[in-house]
Protein backbone atom coordinates (compact mmCIF):
# COMPACT_ATOMS: atom_id res chain seq x y z
CA MET A 1 0.05 -0.03 0.08
CA GLU A 2 1.28 3.39 -1.02
CA TYR A 3 1.82 6.10 1.95
CA LYS A 4 -1.08 8.00 0.22
CA GLU A 5 -3.41 5.43 0.60
CA ARG A 6 -2.30 4.96 3.97
CA ILE A 7 -2.88 8.74 4.54
CA ILE A 8 -6.45 8.55 3.57
CA ASP A 9 -7.03 5.47 5.71
CA LEU A 10 -5.70 7.02 8.82
CA LEU A 11 -7.54 10.06 8.54
CA LYS A 12 -11.00 8.05 7.61
CA THR A 13 -10.38 6.21 10.56
CA ASN A 14 -9.62 9.00 13.21
CA MET A 15 -11.37 12.17 11.66
CA THR A 16 -15.04 12.85 12.42
CA GLU A 17 -17.17 11.99 9.17
CA ARG A 18 -17.64 15.53 7.96
CA ALA A 19 -13.71 16.74 8.66
CA PHE A 20 -12.61 13.70 6.60
CA ILE A 21 -15.24 14.73 3.65
CA LEU A 22 -13.52 18.36 4.05
CA TRP A 23 -10.18 17.03 3.87
CA LYS A 24 -10.59 15.00 0.37
CA GLY A 25 -12.22 18.15 -1.00
CA ILE A 26 -9.23 20.10 0.13
CA ASP A 27 -6.80 17.22 -1.02
CA SER A 28 -8.62 17.72 -4.40
CA VAL A 29 -7.84 21.21 -5.21
CA LEU A 30 -4.41 21.50 -3.85
CA PRO A 31 -1.08 20.76 -6.18
CA ASP A 32 -0.49 17.12 -6.07
CA THR A 33 3.14 16.95 -4.32
CA TRP A 34 2.66 13.79 -2.65
CA ASP A 35 5.41 11.94 -4.60
CA LYS A 36 7.84 14.77 -4.47
CA PRO A 37 10.73 14.80 -2.02
CA THR A 38 10.85 16.21 1.48
CA SER A 39 13.89 17.67 0.66
CA SER A 40 14.64 19.22 -3.07
CA THR A 41 18.01 19.13 -3.04
CA GLY A 42 18.48 15.82 -1.36
CA LYS A 43 20.32 17.63 2.09
CA TRP A 44 17.61 17.58 4.61
CA HIS A 45 15.35 14.47 5.83
CA LYS A 46 17.55 11.89 5.08
CA LYS A 47 16.81 8.62 6.28
CA ILE A 48 19.62 6.10 7.50
CA ASN A 49 20.00 4.44 4.30
CA GLY A 50 20.56 8.05 2.89
CA GLU A 51 17.46 7.98 0.56
CA VAL A 52 15.02 11.45 1.09
CA PRO A 53 11.61 10.00 1.72
CA ASN A 54 8.51 11.88 -0.41
CA GLN A 55 5.96 13.99 0.96
CA SER A 56 3.51 11.38 1.63
CA GLU A 57 6.01 9.27 3.82
CA HIS A 58 6.28 12.29 5.40
CA ILE A 59 3.05 13.33 6.29
CA TYR A 60 2.31 9.42 7.11
CA GLN A 61 5.07 9.69 9.95
CA LEU A 62 3.40 12.89 11.55
CA LEU A 63 -0.23 11.73 11.62
CA TYR A 64 0.97 7.77 12.53
CA SER A 65 2.76 9.76 15.14
CA ALA A 66 0.20 12.21 16.42
CA ILE A 67 -2.43 9.45 16.21
CA LYS A 68 -0.40 7.36 18.81
CA VAL A 69 0.40 9.99 21.12
CA MET A 70 -2.30 12.58 20.91
CA ARG A 71 -3.73 11.67 23.93
CA LEU A 72 -1.20 13.62 25.83
CA PHE A 73 -3.28 16.56 25.14
CA GLY A 74 -6.72 14.77 26.60
CA ILE A 75 -7.62 14.60 22.70
CA GLU A 76 -9.70 11.61 22.05
CA LEU A 77 -9.81 10.30 18.21
CA ARG A 78 -12.78 10.95 15.99
CA THR A 79 -13.38 14.58 17.77
CA SER A 80 -13.24 17.91 16.30
CA ASP A 81 -10.13 18.21 18.72
CA ALA A 82 -8.70 15.71 16.69
CA ASP A 83 -9.94 17.06 13.52
CA LYS A 84 -7.63 20.02 14.23
CA MET A 85 -4.71 18.43 14.95
CA LEU A 86 -5.10 16.02 12.06
CA PHE A 87 -5.69 19.14 9.65
CA ALA A 88 -2.45 20.80 10.73
CA ILE A 89 -0.53 17.92 10.00
CA ALA A 90 -2.05 16.73 6.87
CA LEU A 91 -1.80 20.52 5.73
CA HIS A 92 1.39 21.83 7.12
CA ASP A 93 3.26 20.80 3.68
CA THR A 94 0.83 21.60 1.35
CA TRP A 95 2.53 24.10 -0.63
CA LYS A 96 5.97 23.28 0.38
CA TYR A 97 6.60 22.88 -3.75
CA GLY A 98 4.41 26.63 -4.15
CA GLN A 99 0.87 27.14 -4.57
CA GLN A 100 0.98 25.72 -7.91
CA GLY A 101 3.22 22.88 -7.00
CA GLN A 102 5.69 23.39 -9.49
CA ARG A 103 8.76 24.67 -7.87
CA LYS A 104 11.96 23.28 -9.02
CA HIS A 105 12.92 23.55 -5.10
CA THR A 106 11.25 23.72 -1.75
CA ASP A 107 9.22 27.11 -1.01
CA GLY A 108 11.10 28.50 1.92
CA GLN A 109 7.72 30.23 2.80
CA HIS A 110 5.47 27.07 2.56
CA ASP A 111 4.59 27.91 6.21
CA LYS A 112 3.01 30.70 5.83
CA LEU A 113 1.61 30.06 2.18
CA ALA A 114 -0.32 26.89 3.77
CA ALA A 115 -1.36 28.90 6.95
CA ASP A 116 -2.57 31.97 4.68
CA MET A 117 -4.69 29.44 2.41
CA VAL A 118 -6.45 28.02 5.78
CA SER A 119 -7.13 31.34 7.22
CA LEU A 120 -8.84 32.46 3.61
CA ASN A 121 -10.90 29.13 4.15
CA LYS A 122 -11.59 30.11 8.03
CA GLU A 123 -15.55 30.21 7.50
CA THR A 124 -15.21 26.21 5.76
CA PHE A 125 -13.36 25.24 8.91
CA LEU A 126 -15.80 27.12 11.48
CA GLU A 127 -18.44 24.77 10.27
CA LEU A 128 -16.61 21.65 11.88
CA LEU A 129 -14.16 23.43 14.65
CA THR A 130 -14.94 26.43 17.15
CA GLU A 131 -13.07 29.39 17.02
CA GLU A 132 -10.22 28.45 19.43
CA GLN A 133 -10.02 25.06 17.61
CA PHE A 134 -9.60 26.93 14.33
CA GLN A 135 -6.92 29.51 15.85
CA VAL A 136 -4.65 26.07 16.84
CA MET A 137 -4.61 24.71 13.79
CA GLU A 138 -3.78 27.76 11.56
CA GLU A 139 -0.95 28.50 14.12
CA SER A 140 0.65 25.23 13.95
CA ILE A 141 0.40 25.36 10.25
CA ARG A 142 2.13 28.69 10.34
CA PHE A 143 4.89 27.82 13.02
CA HIS A 144 5.48 24.50 12.32
CA SER A 145 8.93 25.31 11.36
CA GLY A 146 9.45 26.60 14.96
CA GLN A 147 12.15 29.29 15.04
CA TRP A 148 12.52 29.23 11.52
CA SER A 149 9.01 30.06 10.36
CA THR A 150 8.55 32.92 8.05
CA ASP A 151 6.22 34.73 10.37
CA VAL A 152 8.21 34.74 13.34
CA PRO A 153 8.44 38.34 14.51
CA LYS A 154 11.83 39.72 13.55
CA HIS A 155 12.02 42.18 16.64
CA LYS A 156 11.24 39.66 19.23
CA PRO A 157 13.39 36.14 19.98
CA PHE A 158 11.47 33.14 19.21
CA SER A 159 10.03 31.17 21.94
CA PHE A 160 7.37 28.43 22.12
CA LYS A 161 6.06 29.81 25.09
CA ASP A 162 4.34 32.41 22.91
CA TYR A 163 2.51 29.42 21.26
CA ASN A 164 -0.11 27.33 21.91
CA SER A 165 1.50 23.58 23.10
CA GLU A 166 -0.11 22.19 20.08
CA THR A 167 2.28 24.00 17.57
CA LEU A 168 5.31 22.88 19.42
CA PHE A 169 3.90 19.20 19.06
CA VAL A 170 3.38 19.42 15.37
CA HIS A 171 6.79 21.17 14.84
CA VAL A 172 8.47 18.18 17.15
CA LEU A 173 6.80 15.66 14.94
CA ASP A 174 8.53 17.55 12.03
CA MET A 175 11.61 17.78 13.37
CA MET A 176 11.75 14.16 14.12
CA SER A 177 10.54 13.03 11.00
CA THR A 178 13.31 15.06 9.36
CA ALA A 179 15.94 13.56 11.64
CA ASP A 180 14.69 9.97 10.73
CA LEU A 181 13.51 9.48 14.09
CA ILE A 182 9.91 7.97 13.81
CA GLN A 183 9.03 4.31 13.53
CA THR A 184 5.81 3.71 12.13
CA ASP A 185 3.85 0.23 11.07
CA VAL A 186 6.07 0.57 7.53
CA ARG A 187 9.04 -1.33 8.16
CA GLU A 188 11.41 -1.37 5.01
């Protein structure tokens, strides 16, 4: 089974029905970059064997891990709280290769682009999430790169104390995947 199919299975099983329907709709209009490498230069995200995973493997790793440990936030699966986290993870790198998905190299502002896209569609998300849940989801996408995030204020040192704990969670999962530290049910 390919990673994209595994992603669909994870989301279908762990999101609310309405959120999964929305995710399918969003996925159908986003650029198809699932098979592109997580690092266009091959410098980052290397696995122990030297290979660079593609976007779908990376997203699968984060979703799989999050689902296993989300209870640390008191989040139950198939709830709107789970939906906010699964949306944040599934959407955080959607525009890594630009809004059309055609860039040769990854876009250093993909965190901002993805969060801005989510923000522009706030009313749609608010049909499923509360205002607070939406804010956490959007922030988790916008600052998933931690101190390297595009929208980090230039006049103030970055600190996760200024953000929701879920934002740190998405960043840590992203960094763990980048460092090849996530083990899933896929053994290669």
